[in-house]
Amino acid sequence: EESALPPEMLDIAVAMVQFVADGRLHSGENVIFVPDSNNVLRPANLLTYNDAPWMAQNTIADEIEFVHPKISIEVADRVGVASLRKQLLFQTSDLVDLGLQDSESFGQSESLTGRLKHILELYPEGPGIMNELIQNADDA
């Protein structure tokens, strides 16, 4: 049965999690237990840290178990606790299918300086380019 840690044991558990996060104890493949918001030790990969504090609590799913507030976001991330924003993104990305599986990227593929060089090479030699540059500067 799940039982909440007493306050003195909670402080020790928080200190141990911080110790592991600092890299002083090699965790390797071991499961790290972290106190949740109800002071119960749970595997880190089953908990979530709240990196979206501006979100109303009623918009967050009830099944999400949060890490104890004494565990910082940085420490939680280092020991394998999931980010709330990433979890919400993954949940909603399953709902949104844009049908872009076979699409290819678009946008500028040539460097800006390379593009300008090629544009200037297309102008005929002579005073025409100077007139064009002055006109463009005047338009800007």
N, C-alpha and C. Protein backbone atom coordinates (compact mmCIF):
# COMPACT_ATOMS: atom_id res chain seq x y z
N GLU A 1 0.84 -1.18 0.00
CA GLU A 1 0.00 0.00 0.00
C GLU A 1 0.89 1.24 0.00
N GLU A 2 0.38 2.30 -0.61
CA GLU A 2 1.12 3.55 -0.68
C GLU A 2 0.95 4.33 0.61
N SER A 3 2.07 4.70 1.18
CA SER A 3 1.98 5.51 2.39
C SER A 3 2.90 6.72 2.23
N ALA A 4 2.44 7.83 2.71
CA ALA A 4 3.19 9.08 2.60
C ALA A 4 4.39 9.06 3.54
N LEU A 5 5.46 9.65 3.07
CA LEU A 5 6.66 9.75 3.90
C LEU A 5 6.45 10.79 5.00
N PRO A 6 6.95 10.51 6.21
CA PRO A 6 6.93 11.56 7.24
C PRO A 6 7.88 12.69 6.84
N PRO A 7 7.69 13.88 7.37
CA PRO A 7 8.49 15.05 6.94
C PRO A 7 10.00 14.83 6.99
N GLU A 8 10.51 14.18 8.03
CA GLU A 8 11.97 13.99 8.12
C GLU A 8 12.47 13.02 7.05
N MET A 9 11.67 12.01 6.70
CA MET A 9 12.05 11.07 5.65
C MET A 9 11.92 11.72 4.27
N LEU A 10 10.96 12.61 4.13
CA LEU A 10 10.79 13.34 2.88
C LEU A 10 12.03 14.18 2.59
N ASP A 11 12.53 14.86 3.61
CA ASP A 11 13.75 15.67 3.44
C ASP A 11 14.93 14.80 3.02
N ILE A 12 15.04 13.61 3.60
CA ILE A 12 16.13 12.70 3.24
C ILE A 12 15.95 12.22 1.80
N ALA A 13 14.73 11.89 1.43
CA ALA A 13 14.46 11.43 0.06
C ALA A 13 14.79 12.53 -0.96
N VAL A 14 14.42 13.76 -0.66
CA VAL A 14 14.73 14.88 -1.56
C VAL A 14 16.23 15.06 -1.68
N ALA A 15 16.94 14.96 -0.56
CA ALA A 15 18.40 15.10 -0.58
C ALA A 15 19.04 13.98 -1.40
N MET A 16 18.53 12.77 -1.29
CA MET A 16 19.07 11.65 -2.06
C MET A 16 18.84 11.83 -3.56
N VAL A 17 17.67 12.32 -3.92
CA VAL A 17 17.39 12.56 -5.34
C VAL A 17 18.34 13.63 -5.87
N GLN A 18 18.59 14.68 -5.09
CA GLN A 18 19.52 15.72 -5.52
C GLN A 18 20.94 15.17 -5.63
N PHE A 19 21.30 14.27 -4.72
CA PHE A 19 22.60 13.63 -4.74
C PHE A 19 22.78 12.83 -6.04
N VAL A 20 21.77 12.07 -6.41
CA VAL A 20 21.82 11.28 -7.65
C VAL A 20 21.87 12.21 -8.86
N ALA A 21 21.09 13.28 -8.84
CA ALA A 21 21.04 14.21 -9.97
C ALA A 21 22.38 14.92 -10.18
N ASP A 22 23.10 15.14 -9.09
CA ASP A 22 24.41 15.80 -9.20
C ASP A 22 25.48 14.88 -9.77
N GLY A 23 25.13 13.62 -10.00
CA GLY A 23 26.07 12.68 -10.58
C GLY A 23 27.03 12.07 -9.60
N ARG A 24 26.80 12.26 -8.32
CA ARG A 24 27.70 11.70 -7.31
C ARG A 24 27.45 10.22 -7.08
N LEU A 25 26.33 9.75 -7.54
CA LEU A 25 26.00 8.34 -7.43
C LEU A 25 25.54 7.88 -8.80
N HIS A 26 26.26 6.94 -9.37
CA HIS A 26 25.92 6.48 -10.72
C HIS A 26 24.65 5.65 -10.67
N SER A 27 23.63 6.12 -11.40
CA SER A 27 22.35 5.41 -11.37
C SER A 27 22.30 4.30 -12.40
N GLY A 28 22.94 4.48 -13.56
CA GLY A 28 22.94 3.46 -14.60
C GLY A 28 21.54 3.06 -15.01
N GLU A 29 21.26 1.78 -14.95
CA GLU A 29 19.96 1.25 -15.36
C GLU A 29 18.99 1.15 -14.17
N ASN A 30 19.40 1.58 -13.00
CA ASN A 30 18.57 1.45 -11.81
C ASN A 30 17.37 2.38 -11.86
N VAL A 31 16.29 1.94 -11.26
CA VAL A 31 15.10 2.77 -11.15
C VAL A 31 15.29 3.72 -9.97
N ILE A 32 15.05 4.99 -10.22
CA ILE A 32 15.18 6.00 -9.16
C ILE A 32 13.79 6.35 -8.67
N PHE A 33 13.61 6.26 -7.36
CA PHE A 33 12.33 6.61 -6.76
C PHE A 33 12.38 8.04 -6.26
N VAL A 34 11.34 8.79 -6.59
CA VAL A 34 11.27 10.22 -6.29
C VAL A 34 9.95 10.48 -5.58
N PRO A 35 9.94 11.36 -4.57
CA PRO A 35 8.67 11.66 -3.91
C PRO A 35 7.73 12.44 -4.84
N ASP A 36 6.45 12.05 -4.80
CA ASP A 36 5.47 12.77 -5.60
C ASP A 36 4.82 13.88 -4.77
N SER A 37 3.83 14.53 -5.32
CA SER A 37 3.19 15.66 -4.62
C SER A 37 2.43 15.24 -3.38
N ASN A 38 2.20 13.92 -3.22
CA ASN A 38 1.54 13.40 -2.02
C ASN A 38 2.53 12.77 -1.04
N ASN A 39 3.82 13.03 -1.24
CA ASN A 39 4.91 12.51 -0.39
C ASN A 39 5.07 11.00 -0.48
N VAL A 40 4.65 10.40 -1.59
CA VAL A 40 4.80 8.96 -1.80
C VAL A 40 5.92 8.74 -2.80
N LEU A 41 6.81 7.78 -2.50
CA LEU A 41 7.90 7.47 -3.42
C LEU A 41 7.36 6.70 -4.62
N ARG A 42 7.73 7.19 -5.82
CA ARG A 42 7.31 6.55 -7.07
C ARG A 42 8.51 6.52 -8.03
N PRO A 43 8.51 5.58 -8.98
CA PRO A 43 9.58 5.60 -9.99
C PRO A 43 9.56 6.92 -10.76
N ALA A 44 10.74 7.46 -11.01
CA ALA A 44 10.86 8.77 -11.66
C ALA A 44 10.16 8.82 -13.01
N ASN A 45 10.19 7.71 -13.75
CA ASN A 45 9.60 7.72 -15.09
C ASN A 45 8.08 7.75 -15.07
N LEU A 46 7.45 7.61 -13.90
CA LEU A 46 6.00 7.68 -13.79
C LEU A 46 5.53 9.05 -13.33
N LEU A 47 6.47 9.94 -13.03
CA LEU A 47 6.13 11.27 -12.52
C LEU A 47 6.35 12.33 -13.58
N THR A 48 5.80 13.51 -13.30
CA THR A 48 5.88 14.65 -14.21
C THR A 48 6.26 15.89 -13.41
N TYR A 49 7.13 16.73 -13.97
CA TYR A 49 7.39 18.02 -13.32
C TYR A 49 6.62 19.10 -14.07
N ASN A 50 6.18 20.09 -13.32
CA ASN A 50 5.32 21.13 -13.89
C ASN A 50 6.18 22.27 -14.42
N ASP A 51 6.46 22.22 -15.70
CA ASP A 51 7.19 23.31 -16.35
C ASP A 51 6.24 24.24 -17.10
N ALA A 52 4.97 24.18 -16.73
CA ALA A 52 3.95 25.08 -17.28
C ALA A 52 3.07 25.57 -16.13
N PRO A 53 3.64 26.32 -15.18
CA PRO A 53 2.86 26.73 -14.00
C PRO A 53 1.72 27.69 -14.32
N TRP A 54 1.73 28.28 -15.50
CA TRP A 54 0.67 29.21 -15.87
C TRP A 54 -0.63 28.50 -16.27
N MET A 55 -0.55 27.19 -16.49
CA MET A 55 -1.74 26.45 -16.89
C MET A 55 -2.64 26.21 -15.68
N ALA A 56 -3.92 26.36 -15.90
CA ALA A 56 -4.89 26.11 -14.84
C ALA A 56 -4.89 24.62 -14.50
N GLN A 57 -4.99 24.30 -13.22
CA GLN A 57 -4.94 22.91 -12.78
C GLN A 57 -6.08 22.08 -13.36
N ASN A 58 -7.22 22.70 -13.63
CA ASN A 58 -8.35 21.93 -14.16
C ASN A 58 -8.18 21.56 -15.63
N THR A 59 -7.16 22.14 -16.31
CA THR A 59 -6.90 21.78 -17.70
C THR A 59 -5.91 20.62 -17.82
N ILE A 60 -5.32 20.24 -16.70
CA ILE A 60 -4.33 19.17 -16.70
C ILE A 60 -5.03 17.87 -16.32
N ALA A 61 -4.71 16.80 -17.04
CA ALA A 61 -5.36 15.50 -16.80
C ALA A 61 -5.14 15.04 -15.37
N ASP A 62 -6.17 14.44 -14.80
CA ASP A 62 -6.11 13.97 -13.41
C ASP A 62 -5.14 12.82 -13.22
N GLU A 63 -4.88 12.04 -14.28
CA GLU A 63 -4.00 10.88 -14.12
C GLU A 63 -2.51 11.24 -14.08
N ILE A 64 -2.18 12.50 -14.30
CA ILE A 64 -0.77 12.92 -14.25
C ILE A 64 -0.36 13.09 -12.79
N GLU A 65 0.70 12.38 -12.43
CA GLU A 65 1.25 12.45 -11.07
C GLU A 65 2.45 13.40 -11.09
N PHE A 66 2.39 14.42 -10.26
CA PHE A 66 3.47 15.40 -10.24
C PHE A 66 4.52 15.07 -9.19
N VAL A 67 5.75 15.45 -9.51
CA VAL A 67 6.85 15.31 -8.57
C VAL A 67 6.65 16.29 -7.41
N HIS A 68 7.25 16.02 -6.27
CA HIS A 68 7.11 16.88 -5.10
C HIS A 68 7.68 18.27 -5.41
N PRO A 69 7.04 19.32 -4.92
CA PRO A 69 7.51 20.69 -5.23
C PRO A 69 8.90 21.00 -4.70
N LYS A 70 9.42 20.23 -3.76
CA LYS A 70 10.79 20.47 -3.27
C LYS A 70 11.85 20.00 -4.27
N ILE A 71 11.44 19.23 -5.28
CA ILE A 71 12.37 18.77 -6.32
C ILE A 71 12.32 19.81 -7.45
N SER A 72 13.48 20.40 -7.73
CA SER A 72 13.52 21.42 -8.79
C SER A 72 13.34 20.79 -10.16
N ILE A 73 12.99 21.61 -11.13
CA ILE A 73 12.80 21.13 -12.50
C ILE A 73 14.09 20.53 -13.04
N GLU A 74 15.20 21.18 -12.77
CA GLU A 74 16.49 20.69 -13.27
C GLU A 74 16.83 19.33 -12.68
N VAL A 75 16.64 19.17 -11.38
CA VAL A 75 16.92 17.89 -10.73
C VAL A 75 15.97 16.83 -11.25
N ALA A 76 14.69 17.16 -11.37
CA ALA A 76 13.70 16.20 -11.86
C ALA A 76 14.06 15.73 -13.26
N ASP A 77 14.46 16.64 -14.11
CA ASP A 77 14.83 16.29 -15.48
C ASP A 77 16.03 15.35 -15.50
N ARG A 78 17.01 15.61 -14.65
CA ARG A 78 18.22 14.79 -14.61
C ARG A 78 17.96 13.35 -14.16
N VAL A 79 16.96 13.14 -13.32
CA VAL A 79 16.70 11.79 -12.83
C VAL A 79 15.63 11.07 -13.64
N GLY A 80 15.13 11.70 -14.70
CA GLY A 80 14.22 11.01 -15.61
C GLY A 80 12.75 11.30 -15.43
N VAL A 81 12.41 12.37 -14.71
CA VAL A 81 11.01 12.77 -14.58
C VAL A 81 10.61 13.48 -15.87
N ALA A 82 9.40 13.24 -16.34
CA ALA A 82 8.93 13.79 -17.61
C ALA A 82 8.46 15.24 -17.46
N SER A 83 8.58 15.99 -18.53
CA SER A 83 8.12 17.37 -18.59
C SER A 83 6.62 17.41 -18.89
N LEU A 84 5.89 18.27 -18.19
CA LEU A 84 4.45 18.42 -18.45
C LEU A 84 4.20 18.93 -19.86
N ARG A 85 4.98 19.92 -20.30
CA ARG A 85 4.77 20.47 -21.63
C ARG A 85 4.99 19.41 -22.71
N LYS A 86 6.02 18.58 -22.55
CA LYS A 86 6.27 17.53 -23.54
C LYS A 86 5.14 16.51 -23.52
N GLN A 87 4.67 16.15 -22.34
CA GLN A 87 3.57 15.19 -22.27
C GLN A 87 2.32 15.73 -22.94
N LEU A 88 2.00 16.99 -22.67
CA LEU A 88 0.81 17.59 -23.29
C LEU A 88 0.98 17.69 -24.81
N LEU A 89 2.18 17.98 -25.25
CA LEU A 89 2.45 18.06 -26.68
C LEU A 89 2.25 16.70 -27.34
N PHE A 90 2.78 15.65 -26.71
CA PHE A 90 2.63 14.31 -27.28
C PHE A 90 1.16 13.88 -27.28
N GLN A 91 0.43 14.22 -26.23
CA GLN A 91 -0.99 13.86 -26.17
C GLN A 91 -1.77 14.54 -27.28
N THR A 92 -1.52 15.83 -27.49
CA THR A 92 -2.27 16.56 -28.51
C THR A 92 -1.76 16.28 -29.91
N SER A 93 -0.50 15.93 -30.06
CA SER A 93 0.02 15.66 -31.41
C SER A 93 -0.60 14.39 -31.97
N ASP A 94 -1.03 13.47 -31.12
CA ASP A 94 -1.72 12.28 -31.61
C ASP A 94 -3.09 12.64 -32.17
N LEU A 95 -3.69 13.70 -31.65
CA LEU A 95 -5.02 14.11 -32.10
C LEU A 95 -4.97 14.89 -33.40
N VAL A 96 -3.84 15.53 -33.67
CA VAL A 96 -3.72 16.37 -34.85
C VAL A 96 -2.92 15.63 -35.90
N ASP A 97 -3.59 15.18 -36.95
CA ASP A 97 -2.92 14.52 -38.05
C ASP A 97 -3.07 15.42 -39.27
N LEU A 98 -1.97 16.04 -39.64
CA LEU A 98 -2.02 16.98 -40.76
C LEU A 98 -1.78 16.31 -42.09
N GLY A 99 -1.51 15.02 -42.09
CA GLY A 99 -1.27 14.31 -43.34
C GLY A 99 0.01 14.73 -44.02
N LEU A 100 1.02 15.04 -43.23
CA LEU A 100 2.27 15.53 -43.80
C LEU A 100 3.39 14.48 -43.75
N GLN A 101 3.04 13.22 -43.71
CA GLN A 101 4.06 12.19 -43.60
C GLN A 101 4.97 12.15 -44.82
N ASP A 102 4.43 12.44 -46.01
CA ASP A 102 5.22 12.37 -47.24
C ASP A 102 5.66 13.74 -47.72
N SER A 103 5.63 14.73 -46.86
CA SER A 103 5.99 16.08 -47.29
C SER A 103 7.49 16.28 -47.20
N GLU A 104 7.97 17.30 -47.89
CA GLU A 104 9.38 17.63 -47.80
C GLU A 104 9.52 19.05 -47.27
N SER A 105 10.67 19.32 -46.69
CA SER A 105 10.86 20.63 -46.08
C SER A 105 10.92 21.71 -47.15
N PHE A 106 10.62 22.92 -46.71
CA PHE A 106 10.67 24.04 -47.63
C PHE A 106 11.35 25.19 -46.93
N GLY A 107 11.65 26.22 -47.70
CA GLY A 107 12.31 27.38 -47.14
C GLY A 107 13.61 27.64 -47.87
N GLN A 108 14.37 28.57 -47.34
CA GLN A 108 15.61 28.97 -47.97
C GLN A 108 16.65 27.88 -47.80
N SER A 109 17.19 27.40 -48.90
CA SER A 109 18.21 26.36 -48.82
C SER A 109 19.58 26.89 -49.22
N GLU A 110 19.62 28.11 -49.69
CA GLU A 110 20.88 28.73 -50.11
C GLU A 110 21.21 29.83 -49.10
N SER A 111 22.50 29.98 -48.78
CA SER A 111 22.86 31.02 -47.82
C SER A 111 22.55 32.39 -48.41
N LEU A 112 22.29 33.35 -47.53
CA LEU A 112 21.91 34.68 -47.97
C LEU A 112 23.02 35.34 -48.79
N THR A 113 24.25 35.23 -48.32
CA THR A 113 25.36 35.86 -49.06
C THR A 113 25.57 35.18 -50.40
N GLY A 114 25.40 33.86 -50.44
CA GLY A 114 25.52 33.14 -51.72
C GLY A 114 24.44 33.57 -52.69
N ARG A 115 23.22 33.75 -52.18
CA ARG A 115 22.11 34.17 -53.02
C ARG A 115 22.35 35.57 -53.59
N LEU A 116 22.80 36.49 -52.74
CA LEU A 116 23.10 37.85 -53.21
C LEU A 116 24.20 37.86 -54.27
N LYS A 117 25.20 37.02 -54.07
CA LYS A 117 26.29 36.92 -55.04
C LYS A 117 25.75 36.47 -56.40
N HIS A 118 24.87 35.46 -56.39
CA HIS A 118 24.31 34.96 -57.64
C HIS A 118 23.40 36.00 -58.31
N ILE A 119 22.66 36.76 -57.52
CA ILE A 119 21.81 37.83 -58.09
C ILE A 119 22.67 38.89 -58.76
N LEU A 120 23.76 39.28 -58.08
CA LEU A 120 24.63 40.31 -58.66
C LEU A 120 25.32 39.81 -59.93
N GLU A 121 25.62 38.52 -59.99
CA GLU A 121 26.25 37.96 -61.19
C GLU A 121 25.30 38.01 -62.39
N LEU A 122 24.00 38.04 -62.16
CA LEU A 122 23.03 38.07 -63.25
C LEU A 122 22.90 39.45 -63.90
N TYR A 123 23.31 40.49 -63.19
CA TYR A 123 23.23 41.84 -63.76
C TYR A 123 24.31 42.03 -64.81
N PRO A 124 23.98 42.74 -65.89
CA PRO A 124 25.02 43.02 -66.90
C PRO A 124 26.04 44.01 -66.34
N GLU A 125 27.25 43.90 -66.85
CA GLU A 125 28.30 44.81 -66.38
C GLU A 125 28.03 46.22 -66.89
N GLY A 126 28.47 47.19 -66.13
CA GLY A 126 28.28 48.58 -66.54
C GLY A 126 27.55 49.36 -65.47
N PRO A 127 27.14 50.59 -65.83
CA PRO A 127 26.51 51.46 -64.84
C PRO A 127 25.07 51.06 -64.47
N GLY A 128 24.49 50.11 -65.19
CA GLY A 128 23.11 49.71 -64.93
C GLY A 128 22.91 49.16 -63.52
N ILE A 129 23.88 48.44 -63.03
CA ILE A 129 23.75 47.86 -61.69
C ILE A 129 23.75 48.95 -60.63
N MET A 130 24.56 49.98 -60.83
CA MET A 130 24.60 51.07 -59.86
C MET A 130 23.26 51.80 -59.82
N ASN A 131 22.68 52.03 -60.98
CA ASN A 131 21.37 52.67 -61.03
C ASN A 131 20.32 51.82 -60.32
N GLU A 132 20.36 50.51 -60.53
CA GLU A 132 19.41 49.59 -59.89
C GLU A 132 19.56 49.62 -58.37
N LEU A 133 20.81 49.59 -57.87
CA LEU A 133 21.05 49.61 -56.43
C LEU A 133 20.57 50.92 -55.81
N ILE A 134 20.79 52.04 -56.49
CA ILE A 134 20.34 53.32 -55.99
C ILE A 134 18.82 53.37 -55.96
N GLN A 135 18.17 52.84 -57.01
CA GLN A 135 16.72 52.81 -57.06
C GLN A 135 16.16 51.96 -55.93
N ASN A 136 16.78 50.77 -55.70
CA ASN A 136 16.33 49.90 -54.61
C ASN A 136 16.49 50.57 -53.25
N ALA A 137 17.60 51.28 -53.07
CA ALA A 137 17.82 51.98 -51.79
C ALA A 137 16.79 53.09 -51.62
N ASP A 138 16.47 53.77 -52.69
CA ASP A 138 15.49 54.83 -52.64
C ASP A 138 14.09 54.29 -52.32
N ASP A 139 13.77 53.10 -52.87
CA ASP A 139 12.48 52.47 -52.60
C ASP A 139 12.36 52.02 -51.16
N ALA A 140 13.48 51.64 -50.57
CA ALA A 140 13.44 51.13 -49.19
C ALA A 140 13.21 52.28 -48.25
